[in-house]
Amino acid sequence: MIIAFEGFRDEEYAEPKDVLEKAGVEVITASTKTGTATGKLGLKTKVDVALDQVQVVDYDAVLFIGGPGSYQFHHDPKAHKIVKETAAAGKVLGGICAGVNTLAQAGALKGKTVTSFAGVAEDVEKTGANYTGKGVEVDGKIVTADGPAHAKIFGEAICRLLSSPLSSPPANSFPSPSKMERGSQ
């Protein structure tokens, strides 16, 4: 899971991480540097590896977590390299909230059915993605979610893909939240 060192969205990190770990998945956290990262709402978490040390071959999935700090990755060459390598290797690639825009700007979402935080939807669409605004979208091995309200479902969708690595499920989507649930990232 790739998070901003400052300002990742707490629930978008903690809830999928919990789902994955309960399913027996080892979760490694990466950021711009190692140490203790801090979420927007104050969650503290250990960063296991610096972004420039991430080797895609070592992982089954790569997930970009949203939050105000995630904007630093939208045009980051290191982040784009990781996205491109993950997609090229046919591994599970995920993004939630504003984190989806990193995948989009790296070129991984062209022609894909996706969702994201509404605040980055226009940027995501400009890259050729089919934006739906729903809660969670799965298109092949790409999983995207709109934000905190669907963080757990995002984690569950990733688990399903990891449990059947040879199958590529058809694109499917989940319901969108009410406007009140959307809130801000």
C-alpha atoms as a PDB file:
ATOM      1  CA  MET A   1       0.000   0.000   0.000  1.00  0.00           C
ATOM      2  CA  ILE A   2       1.419   3.359  -1.010  1.00  0.00           C
ATOM      3  CA  ILE A   3       0.517   6.304   1.213  1.00  0.00           C
ATOM      4  CA  ALA A   4       1.534   9.918   1.593  1.00  0.00           C
ATOM      5  CA  PHE A   5       3.940  10.389   4.501  1.00  0.00           C
ATOM      6  CA  GLU A   6       1.679  13.222   5.700  1.00  0.00           C
ATOM      7  CA  GLY A   7      -2.041  13.409   4.951  1.00  0.00           C
ATOM      8  CA  PHE A   8      -3.085   9.973   3.705  1.00  0.00           C
ATOM      9  CA  ARG A   9      -6.779   9.259   4.362  1.00  0.00           C
ATOM     10  CA  ASP A  10      -6.862   7.152   7.526  1.00  0.00           C
ATOM     11  CA  GLU A  11      -9.867   4.929   6.730  1.00  0.00           C
ATOM     12  CA  GLU A  12      -8.772   4.341   3.141  1.00  0.00           C
ATOM     13  CA  TYR A  13      -5.564   2.853   4.496  1.00  0.00           C
ATOM     14  CA  ALA A  14      -6.702   1.159   7.719  1.00  0.00           C
ATOM     15  CA  GLU A  15      -9.891  -0.545   6.511  1.00  0.00           C
ATOM     16  CA  PRO A  16      -8.493  -2.279   3.384  1.00  0.00           C
ATOM     17  CA  LYS A  17      -5.325  -3.151   5.332  1.00  0.00           C
ATOM     18  CA  ASP A  18      -7.439  -4.813   8.024  1.00  0.00           C
ATOM     19  CA  VAL A  19      -9.457  -6.763   5.421  1.00  0.00           C
ATOM     20  CA  LEU A  20      -6.285  -7.908   3.658  1.00  0.00           C
ATOM     21  CA  GLU A  21      -4.488  -8.934   6.849  1.00  0.00           C
ATOM     22  CA  LYS A  22      -7.540 -10.867   8.104  1.00  0.00           C
ATOM     23  CA  ALA A  23      -7.433 -12.760   4.785  1.00  0.00           C
ATOM     24  CA  GLY A  24      -3.791 -13.678   5.431  1.00  0.00           C
ATOM     25  CA  VAL A  25      -2.219 -11.138   3.096  1.00  0.00           C
ATOM     26  CA  GLU A  26       1.046  -9.583   4.233  1.00  0.00           C
ATOM     27  CA  VAL A  27       0.717  -5.832   3.794  1.00  0.00           C
ATOM     28  CA  ILE A  28       3.798  -3.695   3.195  1.00  0.00           C
ATOM     29  CA  THR A  29       3.432   0.072   3.491  1.00  0.00           C
ATOM     30  CA  ALA A  30       5.456   2.375   1.246  1.00  0.00           C
ATOM     31  CA  SER A  31       5.804   6.146   1.175  1.00  0.00           C
ATOM     32  CA  THR A  32       8.291   8.821   0.177  1.00  0.00           C
ATOM     33  CA  LYS A  33      10.452   7.840   3.151  1.00  0.00           C
ATOM     34  CA  THR A  34      10.508   5.338   5.988  1.00  0.00           C
ATOM     35  CA  GLY A  35       9.505   6.220   9.536  1.00  0.00           C
ATOM     36  CA  THR A  36       6.097   7.009  10.980  1.00  0.00           C
ATOM     37  CA  ALA A  37       3.515   8.400   8.564  1.00  0.00           C
ATOM     38  CA  THR A  38       0.558  10.454   9.769  1.00  0.00           C
ATOM     39  CA  GLY A  39      -2.933  10.368   8.308  1.00  0.00           C
ATOM     40  CA  LYS A  40      -5.226  13.329   7.765  1.00  0.00           C
ATOM     41  CA  LEU A  41      -7.205  12.378  10.885  1.00  0.00           C
ATOM     42  CA  GLY A  42      -4.130  11.567  12.977  1.00  0.00           C
ATOM     43  CA  LEU A  43      -3.585   7.825  12.413  1.00  0.00           C
ATOM     44  CA  LYS A  44       0.095   6.921  12.795  1.00  0.00           C
ATOM     45  CA  THR A  45       1.564   3.990  10.881  1.00  0.00           C
ATOM     46  CA  LYS A  46       4.988   2.551  10.190  1.00  0.00           C
ATOM     47  CA  VAL A  47       6.329   2.912   6.663  1.00  0.00           C
ATOM     48  CA  ASP A  48       8.198  -0.279   5.748  1.00  0.00           C
ATOM     49  CA  VAL A  49       9.852   0.839   2.528  1.00  0.00           C
ATOM     50  CA  ALA A  50      10.623   4.071   0.690  1.00  0.00           C
ATOM     51  CA  LEU A  51       8.931   4.554  -2.661  1.00  0.00           C
ATOM     52  CA  ASP A  52      12.220   4.529  -4.559  1.00  0.00           C
ATOM     53  CA  GLN A  53      12.979   1.073  -3.092  1.00  0.00           C
ATOM     54  CA  VAL A  54       9.696  -0.553  -4.199  1.00  0.00           C
ATOM     55  CA  GLN A  55      10.309  -3.490  -6.542  1.00  0.00           C
ATOM     56  CA  VAL A  56       7.001  -4.458  -8.178  1.00  0.00           C
ATOM     57  CA  VAL A  57       8.215  -8.026  -8.726  1.00  0.00           C
ATOM     58  CA  ASP A  58       8.099  -8.507  -4.921  1.00  0.00           C
ATOM     59  CA  TYR A  59       4.349  -7.814  -4.639  1.00  0.00           C
ATOM     60  CA  ASP A  60       1.071  -9.351  -5.808  1.00  0.00           C
ATOM     61  CA  ALA A  61      -0.770  -6.032  -5.681  1.00  0.00           C
ATOM     62  CA  VAL A  62      -0.009  -2.322  -5.475  1.00  0.00           C
ATOM     63  CA  LEU A  63      -2.556   0.089  -4.010  1.00  0.00           C
ATOM     64  CA  PHE A  64      -2.471   3.892  -3.970  1.00  0.00           C
ATOM     65  CA  ILE A  65      -4.322   5.368  -1.004  1.00  0.00           C
ATOM     66  CA  GLY A  66      -6.023   8.764  -1.185  1.00  0.00           C
ATOM     67  CA  GLY A  67      -6.166  11.785   1.067  1.00  0.00           C
ATOM     68  CA  PRO A  68      -4.847  15.308   0.627  1.00  0.00           C
ATOM     69  CA  GLY A  69      -1.240  14.113   0.752  1.00  0.00           C
ATOM     70  CA  SER A  70      -1.780  11.715  -2.165  1.00  0.00           C
ATOM     71  CA  TYR A  71      -1.747  14.561  -4.689  1.00  0.00           C
ATOM     72  CA  GLN A  72       2.060  14.487  -4.530  1.00  0.00           C
ATOM     73  CA  PHE A  73       1.984  11.181  -6.446  1.00  0.00           C
ATOM     74  CA  HIS A  74      -0.271  12.303  -9.315  1.00  0.00           C
ATOM     75  CA  HIS A  75       2.670  13.453 -11.432  1.00  0.00           C
ATOM     76  CA  ASP A  76       5.515  11.675  -9.634  1.00  0.00           C
ATOM     77  CA  PRO A  77       7.795   9.705 -12.014  1.00  0.00           C
ATOM     78  CA  LYS A  78       8.606   7.072  -9.349  1.00  0.00           C
ATOM     79  CA  ALA A  79       4.918   6.483  -8.653  1.00  0.00           C
ATOM     80  CA  HIS A  80       4.160   6.306 -12.388  1.00  0.00           C
ATOM     81  CA  LYS A  81       6.945   3.751 -12.892  1.00  0.00           C
ATOM     82  CA  ILE A  82       5.428   1.556 -10.168  1.00  0.00           C
ATOM     83  CA  VAL A  83       1.940   1.865 -11.701  1.00  0.00           C
ATOM     84  CA  LYS A  84       3.200   1.011 -15.204  1.00  0.00           C
ATOM     85  CA  GLU A  85       5.248  -1.968 -14.004  1.00  0.00           C
ATOM     86  CA  THR A  86       2.331  -3.310 -11.960  1.00  0.00           C
ATOM     87  CA  ALA A  87      -0.071  -3.054 -14.902  1.00  0.00           C
ATOM     88  CA  ALA A  88       2.444  -4.539 -17.349  1.00  0.00           C
ATOM     89  CA  ALA A  89       3.013  -7.506 -15.037  1.00  0.00           C
ATOM     90  CA  GLY A  90      -0.746  -8.170 -14.865  1.00  0.00           C
ATOM     91  CA  LYS A  91      -0.817  -7.714 -11.108  1.00  0.00           C
ATOM     92  CA  VAL A  92      -3.653  -6.274  -9.074  1.00  0.00           C
ATOM     93  CA  LEU A  93      -3.549  -2.480  -9.197  1.00  0.00           C
ATOM     94  CA  GLY A  94      -5.754  -0.350  -6.990  1.00  0.00           C
ATOM     95  CA  GLY A  95      -6.493   3.222  -6.150  1.00  0.00           C
ATOM     96  CA  ILE A  96      -8.958   4.825  -3.783  1.00  0.00           C
ATOM     97  CA  CYS A  97     -10.259   8.403  -3.653  1.00  0.00           C
ATOM     98  CA  ALA A  98      -7.689  10.879  -5.014  1.00  0.00           C
ATOM     99  CA  GLY A  99      -5.169   8.023  -5.243  1.00  0.00           C
ATOM    100  CA  VAL A 100      -6.963   6.873  -8.405  1.00  0.00           C
ATOM    101  CA  ASN A 101      -5.594   9.902 -10.237  1.00  0.00           C
ATOM    102  CA  THR A 102      -2.040   8.573  -9.865  1.00  0.00           C
ATOM    103  CA  LEU A 103      -3.072   5.480 -11.828  1.00  0.00           C
ATOM    104  CA  ALA A 104      -4.817   7.661 -14.399  1.00  0.00           C
ATOM    105  CA  GLN A 105      -1.909  10.070 -14.886  1.00  0.00           C
ATOM    106  CA  ALA A 106       0.451   7.100 -15.317  1.00  0.00           C
ATOM    107  CA  GLY A 107      -1.720   5.913 -18.224  1.00  0.00           C
ATOM    108  CA  ALA A 108      -3.057   2.743 -16.590  1.00  0.00           C
ATOM    109  CA  LEU A 109      -6.760   3.610 -16.772  1.00  0.00           C
ATOM    110  CA  LYS A 110      -7.256   4.396 -20.458  1.00  0.00           C
ATOM    111  CA  GLY A 111     -10.386   2.545 -21.596  1.00  0.00           C
ATOM    112  CA  LYS A 112     -11.039   1.207 -18.077  1.00  0.00           C
ATOM    113  CA  THR A 113     -14.251   1.610 -16.094  1.00  0.00           C
ATOM    114  CA  VAL A 114     -13.282   3.388 -12.876  1.00  0.00           C
ATOM    115  CA  THR A 115     -14.414   5.571 -10.013  1.00  0.00           C
ATOM    116  CA  SER A 116     -12.606   8.033  -7.746  1.00  0.00           C
ATOM    117  CA  PHE A 117     -13.006  11.015  -5.457  1.00  0.00           C
ATOM    118  CA  ALA A 118     -15.260  13.411  -7.381  1.00  0.00           C
ATOM    119  CA  GLY A 119     -12.636  16.156  -7.041  1.00  0.00           C
ATOM    120  CA  VAL A 120     -10.264  14.320  -9.401  1.00  0.00           C
ATOM    121  CA  ALA A 121     -12.916  12.798 -11.705  1.00  0.00           C
ATOM    122  CA  GLU A 122     -12.355  15.302 -14.510  1.00  0.00           C
ATOM    123  CA  ASP A 123      -8.592  14.665 -14.500  1.00  0.00           C
ATOM    124  CA  VAL A 124      -9.210  10.901 -14.501  1.00  0.00           C
ATOM    125  CA  GLU A 125     -11.630  11.186 -17.453  1.00  0.00           C
ATOM    126  CA  LYS A 126      -9.151  13.294 -19.429  1.00  0.00           C
ATOM    127  CA  THR A 127      -6.784  10.291 -19.464  1.00  0.00           C
ATOM    128  CA  GLY A 128      -9.358   8.184 -21.304  1.00  0.00           C
ATOM    129  CA  ALA A 129     -10.927   6.385 -18.351  1.00  0.00           C
ATOM    130  CA  ASN A 130     -14.669   5.720 -18.174  1.00  0.00           C
ATOM    131  CA  TYR A 131     -15.576   7.401 -14.868  1.00  0.00           C
ATOM    132  CA  THR A 132     -18.811   6.192 -13.229  1.00  0.00           C
ATOM    133  CA  GLY A 133     -18.901   7.862  -9.815  1.00  0.00           C
ATOM    134  CA  LYS A 134     -19.964   4.588  -8.183  1.00  0.00           C
ATOM    135  CA  GLY A 135     -18.594   3.332  -4.873  1.00  0.00           C
ATOM    136  CA  VAL A 136     -16.191   0.679  -6.198  1.00  0.00           C
ATOM    137  CA  GLU A 137     -15.310  -0.472  -9.710  1.00  0.00           C
ATOM    138  CA  VAL A 138     -13.431  -3.592 -10.762  1.00  0.00           C
ATOM    139  CA  ASP A 139     -12.178  -3.759 -14.356  1.00  0.00           C
ATOM    140  CA  GLY A 140      -9.913  -6.739 -14.930  1.00  0.00           C
ATOM    141  CA  LYS A 141      -7.177  -6.507 -12.316  1.00  0.00           C
ATOM    142  CA  ILE A 142      -7.796  -2.824 -11.617  1.00  0.00           C
ATOM    143  CA  VAL A 143      -9.829  -1.867  -8.544  1.00  0.00           C
ATOM    144  CA  THR A 144     -10.873   1.717  -7.860  1.00  0.00           C
ATOM    145  CA  ALA A 145     -12.994   3.269  -5.127  1.00  0.00           C
ATOM    146  CA  ASP A 146     -14.480   6.666  -4.461  1.00  0.00           C
ATOM    147  CA  GLY A 147     -13.372   7.201  -0.874  1.00  0.00           C
ATOM    148  CA  PRO A 148     -13.706   6.332   2.813  1.00  0.00           C
ATOM    149  CA  ALA A 149     -17.330   5.162   2.630  1.00  0.00           C
ATOM    150  CA  HIS A 150     -16.268   2.251   0.430  1.00  0.00           C
ATOM    151  CA  ALA A 151     -12.812   1.507   1.837  1.00  0.00           C
ATOM    152  CA  LYS A 152     -13.834  -1.871   3.264  1.00  0.00           C
ATOM    153  CA  ILE A 153     -15.519  -2.951   0.012  1.00  0.00           C
ATOM    154  CA  PHE A 154     -12.380  -1.814  -1.840  1.00  0.00           C
ATOM    155  CA  GLY A 155     -10.313  -4.146   0.362  1.00  0.00           C
ATOM    156  CA  GLU A 156     -12.755  -7.011  -0.173  1.00  0.00           C
ATOM    157  CA  ALA A 157     -12.605  -6.567  -3.966  1.00  0.00           C
ATOM    158  CA  ILE A 158      -8.811  -6.713  -3.841  1.00  0.00           C
ATOM    159  CA  CYS A 159      -8.971  -9.878  -1.723  1.00  0.00           C
ATOM    160  CA  ARG A 160     -11.236 -11.532  -4.297  1.00  0.00           C
ATOM    161  CA  LEU A 161      -8.749 -10.763  -7.066  1.00  0.00           C
ATOM    162  CA  LEU A 162      -5.795 -11.978  -5.021  1.00  0.00           C
ATOM    163  CA  SER A 163      -7.573 -15.239  -4.183  1.00  0.00           C
ATOM    164  CA  SER A 164      -7.949 -16.059  -7.883  1.00  0.00           C
ATOM    165  CA  PRO A 165      -4.849 -14.628  -9.536  1.00  0.00           C
ATOM    166  CA  LEU A 166      -5.356 -16.511 -12.802  1.00  0.00           C
ATOM    167  CA  SER A 167      -8.885 -15.289 -13.354  1.00  0.00           C
ATOM    168  CA  SER A 168      -9.748 -11.845 -14.532  1.00  0.00           C
ATOM    169  CA  PRO A 169     -13.328 -11.120 -13.479  1.00  0.00           C
ATOM    170  CA  PRO A 170     -15.570  -9.087 -15.701  1.00  0.00           C
ATOM    171  CA  ALA A 171     -15.937  -5.426 -14.952  1.00  0.00           C
ATOM    172  CA  ASN A 172     -18.475  -4.879 -12.211  1.00  0.00           C
ATOM    173  CA  SER A 173     -19.470  -2.072  -9.976  1.00  0.00           C
ATOM    174  CA  PHE A 174     -20.928  -1.407  -6.599  1.00  0.00           C
ATOM    175  CA  PRO A 175     -23.498   1.197  -5.563  1.00  0.00           C
ATOM    176  CA  SER A 176     -22.538   4.799  -5.174  1.00  0.00           C
ATOM    177  CA  PRO A 177     -22.858   6.483  -1.793  1.00  0.00           C
ATOM    178  CA  SER A 178     -25.383   9.175  -1.051  1.00  0.00           C
ATOM    179  CA  LYS A 179     -24.106  12.714  -1.368  1.00  0.00           C
ATOM    180  CA  MET A 180     -23.841  12.956   2.411  1.00  0.00           C
ATOM    181  CA  GLU A 181     -21.548   9.907   2.573  1.00  0.00           C
ATOM    182  CA  ARG A 182     -19.217  11.287  -0.052  1.00  0.00           C
ATOM    183  CA  GLY A 183     -17.985  14.169   2.026  1.00  0.00           C
ATOM    184  CA  SER A 184     -14.493  15.421   1.372  1.00  0.00           C
ATOM    185  CA  GLN A 185     -11.412  13.348   1.084  1.00  0.00           C
END
